C-alpha atoms as a PDB file:
ATOM      1  CA  MET A   1     -30.153 -44.758  -6.802  1.00  0.00           C
ATOM      2  CA  GLY A   2     -30.296 -43.141 -10.269  1.00  0.00           C
ATOM      3  CA  LEU A   3     -27.316 -42.177 -12.107  1.00  0.00           C
ATOM      4  CA  ASP A   4     -27.890 -38.563 -12.346  1.00  0.00           C
ATOM      5  CA  HIS A   5     -28.792 -38.436  -8.414  1.00  0.00           C
ATOM      6  CA  ALA A   6     -25.364 -40.407  -7.889  1.00  0.00           C
ATOM      7  CA  ARG A   7     -23.563 -37.428  -9.767  1.00  0.00           C
ATOM      8  CA  GLY A   8     -25.431 -34.595  -8.012  1.00  0.00           C
ATOM      9  CA  PRO A   9     -28.791 -33.330  -7.962  1.00  0.00           C
ATOM     10  CA  GLY A  10     -29.734 -30.292 -10.390  1.00  0.00           C
ATOM     11  CA  ASP A  11     -31.238 -29.145 -13.235  1.00  0.00           C
ATOM     12  CA  ALA A  12     -30.737 -31.403 -16.207  1.00  0.00           C
ATOM     13  CA  ARG A  13     -31.698 -28.712 -18.883  1.00  0.00           C
ATOM     14  CA  LEU A  14     -28.577 -26.826 -17.874  1.00  0.00           C
ATOM     15  CA  PRO A  15     -24.669 -27.985 -18.855  1.00  0.00           C
ATOM     16  CA  SER A  16     -23.543 -30.057 -16.147  1.00  0.00           C
ATOM     17  CA  VAL A  17     -19.913 -29.580 -14.602  1.00  0.00           C
ATOM     18  CA  THR A  18     -17.259 -32.103 -13.633  1.00  0.00           C
ATOM     19  CA  CYS A  19     -14.941 -30.596 -11.100  1.00  0.00           C
ATOM     20  CA  ALA A  20     -11.299 -32.286 -10.548  1.00  0.00           C
ATOM     21  CA  ILE A  21      -9.808 -31.794  -7.557  1.00  0.00           C
ATOM     22  CA  MET A  22      -5.878 -32.334  -7.723  1.00  0.00           C
ATOM     23  CA  ALA A  23      -4.162 -33.632  -4.749  1.00  0.00           C
ATOM     24  CA  PHE A  24      -0.479 -34.573  -3.773  1.00  0.00           C
ATOM     25  CA  ASN A  25       0.235 -34.999  -0.050  1.00  0.00           C
ATOM     26  CA  GLU A  26      -2.923 -32.995   0.908  1.00  0.00           C
ATOM     27  CA  GLU A  27      -4.418 -34.981   3.656  1.00  0.00           C
ATOM     28  CA  GLU A  28      -4.900 -31.957   5.990  1.00  0.00           C
ATOM     29  CA  MET A  29      -6.812 -29.746   3.386  1.00  0.00           C
ATOM     30  CA  LEU A  30      -8.468 -32.153   1.226  1.00  0.00           C
ATOM     31  CA  ASP A  31     -11.615 -32.448   3.078  1.00  0.00           C
ATOM     32  CA  GLN A  32     -12.345 -28.823   3.477  1.00  0.00           C
ATOM     33  CA  ALA A  33     -11.272 -28.260  -0.466  1.00  0.00           C
ATOM     34  CA  THR A  34     -13.872 -30.969  -1.465  1.00  0.00           C
ATOM     35  CA  ALA A  35     -16.608 -29.555   1.045  1.00  0.00           C
ATOM     36  CA  ASP A  36     -15.998 -26.082  -0.355  1.00  0.00           C
ATOM     37  CA  VAL A  37     -16.080 -27.319  -4.287  1.00  0.00           C
ATOM     38  CA  ARG A  38     -19.474 -29.532  -3.588  1.00  0.00           C
ATOM     39  CA  ALA A  39     -21.275 -26.538  -1.476  1.00  0.00           C
ATOM     40  CA  SER A  40     -20.510 -24.149  -4.300  1.00  0.00           C
ATOM     41  CA  LEU A  41     -21.673 -26.544  -7.091  1.00  0.00           C
ATOM     42  CA  LEU A  42     -24.882 -27.570  -5.030  1.00  0.00           C
ATOM     43  CA  ASN A  43     -25.357 -23.874  -5.037  1.00  0.00           C
ATOM     44  CA  LEU A  44     -25.251 -23.416  -8.745  1.00  0.00           C
ATOM     45  CA  GLY A  45     -28.090 -25.829  -9.368  1.00  0.00           C
ATOM     46  CA  ARG A  46     -26.699 -28.044 -11.777  1.00  0.00           C
ATOM     47  CA  ARG A  47     -25.939 -31.840 -11.791  1.00  0.00           C
ATOM     48  CA  PHE A  48     -22.124 -32.132 -11.201  1.00  0.00           C
ATOM     49  CA  GLU A  49     -19.276 -34.645 -10.317  1.00  0.00           C
ATOM     50  CA  ILE A  50     -16.430 -34.259  -8.282  1.00  0.00           C
ATOM     51  CA  ILE A  51     -13.221 -36.094  -9.170  1.00  0.00           C
ATOM     52  CA  ILE A  52     -10.518 -36.216  -6.672  1.00  0.00           C
ATOM     53  CA  VAL A  53      -7.193 -36.971  -8.647  1.00  0.00           C
ATOM     54  CA  ASP A  54      -4.725 -38.394  -6.208  1.00  0.00           C
ATOM     55  CA  ASP A  55      -1.331 -37.787  -7.863  1.00  0.00           C
ATOM     56  CA  GLY A  56       0.859 -40.602  -6.059  1.00  0.00           C
ATOM     57  CA  SER A  57       0.553 -39.136  -2.640  1.00  0.00           C
ATOM     58  CA  THR A  58       2.557 -40.739   0.208  1.00  0.00           C
ATOM     59  CA  ASP A  59       0.624 -39.506   3.037  1.00  0.00           C
ATOM     60  CA  ALA A  60      -3.026 -40.313   3.966  1.00  0.00           C
ATOM     61  CA  THR A  61      -4.410 -38.235   0.916  1.00  0.00           C
ATOM     62  CA  ALA A  62      -6.113 -41.346  -0.797  1.00  0.00           C
ATOM     63  CA  ASP A  63      -7.535 -42.335   2.574  1.00  0.00           C
ATOM     64  CA  VAL A  64      -9.334 -39.047   3.066  1.00  0.00           C
ATOM     65  CA  ALA A  65     -10.472 -39.032  -0.489  1.00  0.00           C
ATOM     66  CA  GLY A  66     -11.894 -42.645  -0.109  1.00  0.00           C
ATOM     67  CA  ASP A  67     -13.872 -41.382   3.108  1.00  0.00           C
ATOM     68  CA  LEU A  68     -14.919 -38.505   1.122  1.00  0.00           C
ATOM     69  CA  ALA A  69     -16.511 -40.640  -1.940  1.00  0.00           C
ATOM     70  CA  ALA A  70     -18.045 -42.879   0.776  1.00  0.00           C
ATOM     71  CA  ARG A  71     -19.644 -40.096   2.376  1.00  0.00           C
ATOM     72  CA  TRP A  72     -20.929 -37.913  -0.786  1.00  0.00           C
ATOM     73  CA  SER A  73     -22.293 -39.745  -3.981  1.00  0.00           C
ATOM     74  CA  GLU A  74     -20.894 -37.110  -6.219  1.00  0.00           C
ATOM     75  CA  VAL A  75     -17.398 -37.775  -5.437  1.00  0.00           C
ATOM     76  CA  ARG A  76     -15.118 -40.337  -6.831  1.00  0.00           C
ATOM     77  CA  LEU A  77     -11.196 -41.018  -6.491  1.00  0.00           C
ATOM     78  CA  VAL A  78      -8.831 -41.719  -9.214  1.00  0.00           C
ATOM     79  CA  GLN A  79      -5.469 -42.678  -8.079  1.00  0.00           C
ATOM     80  CA  HIS A  80      -1.929 -42.329 -10.040  1.00  0.00           C
ATOM     81  CA  PRO A  81       0.599 -45.072  -9.322  1.00  0.00           C
ATOM     82  CA  GLY A  82       3.068 -42.577  -8.816  1.00  0.00           C
ATOM     83  CA  ASN A  83       3.794 -38.875  -8.705  1.00  0.00           C
ATOM     84  CA  ARG A  84       3.315 -37.363 -12.329  1.00  0.00           C
ATOM     85  CA  GLY A  85       4.005 -33.608 -11.339  1.00  0.00           C
ATOM     86  CA  PRO A  86       1.909 -30.530 -11.948  1.00  0.00           C
ATOM     87  CA  GLY A  87      -0.602 -30.641 -14.615  1.00  0.00           C
ATOM     88  CA  SER A  88      -0.892 -34.307 -14.742  1.00  0.00           C
ATOM     89  CA  ALA A  89      -4.325 -34.289 -12.572  1.00  0.00           C
ATOM     90  CA  ILE A  90      -5.836 -31.859 -14.929  1.00  0.00           C
ATOM     91  CA  VAL A  91      -5.270 -34.329 -17.821  1.00  0.00           C
ATOM     92  CA  THR A  92      -6.391 -37.405 -15.792  1.00  0.00           C
ATOM     93  CA  GLY A  93      -9.482 -35.362 -14.514  1.00  0.00           C
ATOM     94  CA  LEU A  94     -10.272 -34.422 -18.051  1.00  0.00           C
ATOM     95  CA  ALA A  95     -10.120 -37.998 -19.607  1.00  0.00           C
ATOM     96  CA  GLU A  96     -12.438 -39.109 -16.715  1.00  0.00           C
ATOM     97  CA  ALA A  97     -14.830 -36.195 -16.989  1.00  0.00           C
ATOM     98  CA  ARG A  98     -18.545 -37.162 -18.021  1.00  0.00           C
ATOM     99  CA  TYR A  99     -20.151 -33.972 -17.973  1.00  0.00           C
ATOM    100  CA  ASP A 100     -20.372 -30.655 -20.272  1.00  0.00           C
ATOM    101  CA  LEU A 101     -18.263 -28.250 -18.388  1.00  0.00           C
ATOM    102  CA  TYR A 102     -14.799 -28.930 -16.685  1.00  0.00           C
ATOM    103  CA  CYS A 103     -12.854 -26.950 -14.195  1.00  0.00           C
ATOM    104  CA  PHE A 104     -10.191 -27.893 -11.604  1.00  0.00           C
ATOM    105  CA  HIS A 105      -9.389 -26.826  -8.048  1.00  0.00           C
ATOM    106  CA  PRO A 106      -6.190 -27.456  -6.118  1.00  0.00           C
ATOM    107  CA  ALA A 107      -6.433 -29.558  -2.788  1.00  0.00           C
ATOM    108  CA  ASP A 108      -4.489 -26.820  -1.121  1.00  0.00           C
ATOM    109  CA  ASN A 109      -7.300 -24.485  -1.372  1.00  0.00           C
ATOM    110  CA  GLN A 110      -5.503 -21.693  -2.604  1.00  0.00           C
ATOM    111  CA  LEU A 111      -8.221 -19.932  -4.080  1.00  0.00           C
ATOM    112  CA  VAL A 112     -12.042 -19.406  -3.694  1.00  0.00           C
ATOM    113  CA  PHE A 113     -13.693 -21.840  -5.530  1.00  0.00           C
ATOM    114  CA  ASP A 114     -17.023 -20.204  -5.497  1.00  0.00           C
ATOM    115  CA  ASP A 115     -15.486 -17.375  -7.762  1.00  0.00           C
ATOM    116  CA  VAL A 116     -15.002 -20.171 -10.417  1.00  0.00           C
ATOM    117  CA  ALA A 117     -18.404 -21.842  -9.956  1.00  0.00           C
ATOM    118  CA  GLN A 118     -20.251 -18.523 -10.204  1.00  0.00           C
ATOM    119  CA  ALA A 119     -18.473 -17.626 -13.500  1.00  0.00           C
ATOM    120  CA  LEU A 120     -19.345 -21.142 -15.280  1.00  0.00           C
ATOM    121  CA  PRO A 121     -22.499 -19.893 -16.632  1.00  0.00           C
ATOM    122  CA  LEU A 122     -20.634 -18.036 -19.025  1.00  0.00           C
ATOM    123  CA  LEU A 123     -19.695 -20.989 -20.812  1.00  0.00           C
ATOM    124  CA  ASP A 124     -23.081 -22.072 -21.584  1.00  0.00           C
ATOM    125  CA  ASP A 125     -23.235 -20.056 -24.941  1.00  0.00           C
ATOM    126  CA  ARG A 126     -20.622 -17.232 -24.514  1.00  0.00           C
ATOM    127  CA  TYR A 127     -17.252 -18.760 -23.994  1.00  0.00           C
ATOM    128  CA  ASP A 128     -15.709 -21.832 -24.754  1.00  0.00           C
ATOM    129  CA  LEU A 129     -12.867 -21.434 -22.127  1.00  0.00           C
ATOM    130  CA  LEU A 130     -12.343 -19.043 -18.990  1.00  0.00           C
ATOM    131  CA  VAL A 131      -8.926 -18.050 -18.081  1.00  0.00           C
ATOM    132  CA  GLY A 132      -8.551 -17.374 -14.027  1.00  0.00           C
ATOM    133  CA  GLU A 133      -7.182 -14.149 -13.032  1.00  0.00           C
ATOM    134  CA  ARG A 134      -5.810 -14.189  -9.343  1.00  0.00           C
ATOM    135  CA  SER A 135      -6.624 -11.235  -7.065  1.00  0.00           C
ATOM    136  CA  ASP A 136      -3.086 -10.846  -5.681  1.00  0.00           C
ATOM    137  CA  ARG A 137       0.234 -12.552  -5.011  1.00  0.00           C
ATOM    138  CA  HIS A 138       0.559 -11.155  -1.300  1.00  0.00           C
ATOM    139  CA  ASP A 139       2.314 -13.989   0.103  1.00  0.00           C
ATOM    140  CA  TYR A 140       4.494 -15.059  -2.630  1.00  0.00           C
ATOM    141  CA  SER A 141       8.262 -15.205  -2.117  1.00  0.00           C
ATOM    142  CA  VAL A 142      10.610 -12.902  -4.291  1.00  0.00           C
ATOM    143  CA  ALA A 143      11.712 -16.032  -6.203  1.00  0.00           C
ATOM    144  CA  ARG A 144       8.094 -17.239  -6.894  1.00  0.00           C
ATOM    145  CA  ARG A 145       7.068 -13.542  -7.981  1.00  0.00           C
ATOM    146  CA  VAL A 146       9.853 -13.551 -10.528  1.00  0.00           C
ATOM    147  CA  TYR A 147       8.752 -17.206 -11.656  1.00  0.00           C
ATOM    148  CA  SER A 148       5.216 -15.785 -11.992  1.00  0.00           C
ATOM    149  CA  TYR A 149       5.660 -12.525 -13.746  1.00  0.00           C
ATOM    150  CA  GLY A 150       8.563 -14.062 -15.896  1.00  0.00           C
ATOM    151  CA  TYR A 151       6.358 -16.875 -17.178  1.00  0.00           C
ATOM    152  CA  ILE A 152       3.592 -13.984 -18.099  1.00  0.00           C
ATOM    153  CA  GLY A 153       5.734 -11.697 -19.860  1.00  0.00           C
ATOM    154  CA  LEU A 154       7.342 -14.595 -21.860  1.00  0.00           C
ATOM    155  CA  ALA A 155       4.229 -15.976 -22.731  1.00  0.00           C
ATOM    156  CA  TRP A 156       3.289 -12.424 -24.037  1.00  0.00           C
ATOM    157  CA  ALA A 157       6.375 -12.334 -26.219  1.00  0.00           C
ATOM    158  CA  LEU A 158       6.187 -15.702 -27.408  1.00  0.00           C
ATOM    159  CA  PHE A 159       2.469 -16.221 -28.040  1.00  0.00           C
ATOM    160  CA  GLY A 160       0.821 -12.624 -28.146  1.00  0.00           C
ATOM    161  CA  LEU A 161      -1.489 -13.252 -25.025  1.00  0.00           C
ATOM    162  CA  ARG A 162      -1.401  -9.532 -24.174  1.00  0.00           C
ATOM    163  CA  GLY A 163      -5.171  -9.779 -23.739  1.00  0.00           C
ATOM    164  CA  PHE A 164      -4.647 -11.752 -20.753  1.00  0.00           C
ATOM    165  CA  SER A 165      -2.834 -10.556 -17.625  1.00  0.00           C
ATOM    166  CA  ASP A 166      -2.639 -14.206 -15.938  1.00  0.00           C
ATOM    167  CA  PHE A 167      -2.850 -17.549 -17.417  1.00  0.00           C
ATOM    168  CA  ASN A 168      -1.141 -20.059 -15.013  1.00  0.00           C
ATOM    169  CA  PHE A 169      -3.720 -19.995 -12.069  1.00  0.00           C
ATOM    170  CA  VAL A 170      -6.999 -21.818 -13.063  1.00  0.00           C
ATOM    171  CA  TYR A 171      -9.078 -22.297 -15.995  1.00  0.00           C
ATOM    172  CA  ALA A 172     -12.811 -23.587 -16.921  1.00  0.00           C
ATOM    173  CA  PHE A 173     -13.427 -25.322 -20.158  1.00  0.00           C
ATOM    174  CA  ARG A 174     -16.506 -26.680 -22.205  1.00  0.00           C
ATOM    175  CA  ARG A 175     -15.328 -30.278 -22.575  1.00  0.00           C
ATOM    176  CA  ASP A 176     -16.163 -30.410 -26.380  1.00  0.00           C
ATOM    177  CA  LEU A 177     -13.214 -27.826 -26.872  1.00  0.00           C
ATOM    178  CA  PHE A 178     -10.992 -30.937 -26.643  1.00  0.00           C
ATOM    179  CA  ASP A 179     -12.629 -32.532 -29.510  1.00  0.00           C
ATOM    180  CA  GLY A 180     -10.271 -30.413 -31.537  1.00  0.00           C
ATOM    181  CA  ILE A 181      -7.177 -30.046 -29.517  1.00  0.00           C
ATOM    182  CA  GLU A 182      -4.486 -32.478 -28.673  1.00  0.00           C
ATOM    183  CA  ILE A 183      -2.535 -31.885 -25.498  1.00  0.00           C
ATOM    184  CA  GLU A 184       1.073 -32.503 -25.772  1.00  0.00           C
ATOM    185  CA  THR A 185       2.270 -31.044 -22.395  1.00  0.00           C
ATOM    186  CA  SER A 186       1.612 -32.375 -18.886  1.00  0.00           C
ATOM    187  CA  GLY A 187       3.242 -29.583 -16.543  1.00  0.00           C
ATOM    188  CA  LEU A 188       2.298 -25.969 -15.472  1.00  0.00           C
ATOM    189  CA  PHE A 189       2.579 -25.122 -19.215  1.00  0.00           C
ATOM    190  CA  LEU A 190      -0.324 -27.365 -19.838  1.00  0.00           C
ATOM    191  CA  CYS A 191      -3.246 -24.759 -19.525  1.00  0.00           C
ATOM    192  CA  THR A 192      -1.302 -22.099 -21.657  1.00  0.00           C
ATOM    193  CA  GLU A 193      -0.806 -24.585 -24.259  1.00  0.00           C
ATOM    194  CA  ILE A 194      -4.749 -25.178 -24.344  1.00  0.00           C
ATOM    195  CA  LEU A 195      -5.215 -21.438 -24.610  1.00  0.00           C
ATOM    196  CA  VAL A 196      -2.945 -20.804 -27.300  1.00  0.00           C
ATOM    197  CA  LYS A 197      -4.164 -23.865 -29.382  1.00  0.00           C
ATOM    198  CA  ALA A 198      -7.989 -22.687 -28.624  1.00  0.00           C
ATOM    199  CA  LEU A 199      -7.147 -19.038 -29.816  1.00  0.00           C
ATOM    200  CA  ASP A 200      -5.527 -20.275 -32.966  1.00  0.00           C
ATOM    201  CA  GLN A 201      -8.760 -22.040 -33.706  1.00  0.00           C
ATOM    202  CA  GLY A 202     -10.629 -19.326 -33.119  1.00  0.00           C
ATOM    203  CA  ARG A 203     -12.477 -20.363 -30.129  1.00  0.00           C
ATOM    204  CA  ARG A 204     -13.878 -17.861 -27.658  1.00  0.00           C
ATOM    205  CA  ALA A 205     -11.806 -17.304 -24.329  1.00  0.00           C
ATOM    206  CA  GLY A 206     -13.044 -15.075 -21.469  1.00  0.00           C
ATOM    207  CA  VAL A 207     -11.585 -13.896 -18.102  1.00  0.00           C
ATOM    208  CA  MET A 208     -12.580 -14.953 -14.598  1.00  0.00           C
ATOM    209  CA  ARG A 209     -11.340 -13.177 -11.838  1.00  0.00           C
ATOM    210  CA  ALA A 210     -10.840 -15.620  -8.762  1.00  0.00           C
ATOM    211  CA  ARG A 211      -9.601 -14.665  -4.971  1.00  0.00           C
ATOM    212  CA  TYR A 212      -6.234 -15.929  -4.072  1.00  0.00           C
ATOM    213  CA  LEU A 213      -5.639 -17.487  -0.720  1.00  0.00           C
ATOM    214  CA  PRO A 214      -2.603 -17.939   0.859  1.00  0.00           C
ATOM    215  CA  ARG A 215      -1.495 -21.941   1.998  1.00  0.00           C
ATOM    216  CA  THR A 216      -2.245 -22.625   5.627  1.00  0.00           C
ATOM    217  CA  THR A 217      -0.486 -25.849   5.641  1.00  0.00           C
ATOM    218  CA  GLY A 218       2.128 -28.026   3.773  1.00  0.00           C
ATOM    219  CA  VAL A 219       4.677 -26.750   1.092  1.00  0.00           C
ATOM    220  CA  SER A 220       4.003 -25.762  -2.573  1.00  0.00           C
ATOM    221  CA  THR A 221       6.369 -27.197  -5.082  1.00  0.00           C
ATOM    222  CA  VAL A 222       5.264 -25.149  -7.774  1.00  0.00           C
ATOM    223  CA  GLY A 223       8.067 -22.493  -6.947  1.00  0.00           C
ATOM    224  CA  ARG A 224      10.953 -25.098  -6.945  1.00  0.00           C
ATOM    225  CA  PRO A 225      13.630 -24.219  -9.568  1.00  0.00           C
ATOM    226  CA  SER A 226      13.228 -27.784 -11.358  1.00  0.00           C
ATOM    227  CA  VAL A 227       9.737 -27.021 -11.926  1.00  0.00           C
ATOM    228  CA  ALA A 228      10.614 -23.481 -13.377  1.00  0.00           C
ATOM    229  CA  VAL A 229      13.122 -25.081 -15.500  1.00  0.00           C
ATOM    230  CA  ASP A 230      10.924 -27.833 -16.987  1.00  0.00           C
ATOM    231  CA  THR A 231       8.105 -25.312 -17.362  1.00  0.00           C
ATOM    232  CA  LEU A 232      10.471 -23.213 -19.638  1.00  0.00           C
ATOM    233  CA  ARG A 233      11.810 -26.044 -21.481  1.00  0.00           C
ATOM    234  CA  GLN A 234       8.023 -27.154 -22.501  1.00  0.00           C
ATOM    235  CA  MET A 235       7.169 -23.609 -23.228  1.00  0.00           C
ATOM    236  CA  LEU A 236      10.217 -23.117 -25.682  1.00  0.00           C
ATOM    237  CA  THR A 237       9.525 -26.516 -27.428  1.00  0.00           C
ATOM    238  CA  PHE A 238       6.125 -25.930 -27.810  1.00  0.00           C
ATOM    239  CA  TRP A 239       6.699 -22.349 -29.275  1.00  0.00           C
ATOM    240  CA  TRP A 240       9.301 -23.933 -31.736  1.00  0.00           C
ATOM    241  CA  HIS A 241       6.966 -26.422 -33.020  1.00  0.00           C
ATOM    242  CA  ARG A 242       4.218 -24.065 -33.545  1.00  0.00           C
ATOM    243  CA  ARG A 243       6.370 -21.378 -35.183  1.00  0.00           C
ATOM    244  CA  ASN A 244       7.578 -24.080 -37.704  1.00  0.00           C
ATOM    245  CA  LYS A 245       3.929 -25.242 -38.570  1.00  0.00           C
ATOM    246  CA  ARG A 246       2.831 -21.762 -39.564  1.00  0.00           C
END
């Protein structure tokens, strides 16, 4: 079997796609999430690969991922030896990516990935990165809404990002964007850091709208107070260092 076929059939003349699926204790949702991503990328008609990044799961996530990799040649598994926390799977997927465009998808399947897939051609020659804007937050708890909107408001104030109404949901990138960007953080602030650095360099950022889906099983760790505190710490540290360099 040839290398290109092993990483998904598609038109070799078009920029190819790597999608990282971020998984931590998602044994129940991973199969469906991977199937959705694969179907959307097949429909896109480009060469692609899917990297499942298991962030130190303690359930059967790795076993499910291994079965998926055996079933579909476009899928491979990368495992963290322990849980590294939110954002780490994005960094690992980027390090492992072999193709031109890079995106990611949560294994809890809380967004319609086809919305992301249909936006990817905008990265061919129009934009260097796409910032996802979620359709709604209808099942968010009061605390999680406060975290989410508070984060957006603070990022507007610190980094002048008022051209974007949402930037802690989902992103897609040209992989060559990272030739000139060094990633310093690894938590939920990670993608906002990338956006700010890209804009500082004059790179082109666009917006893609993606439908948000409620979680159907398991418990999200994103809204935990400890995660919010760590995200705030990373944001303020980054702001301080950036301010002192300007």
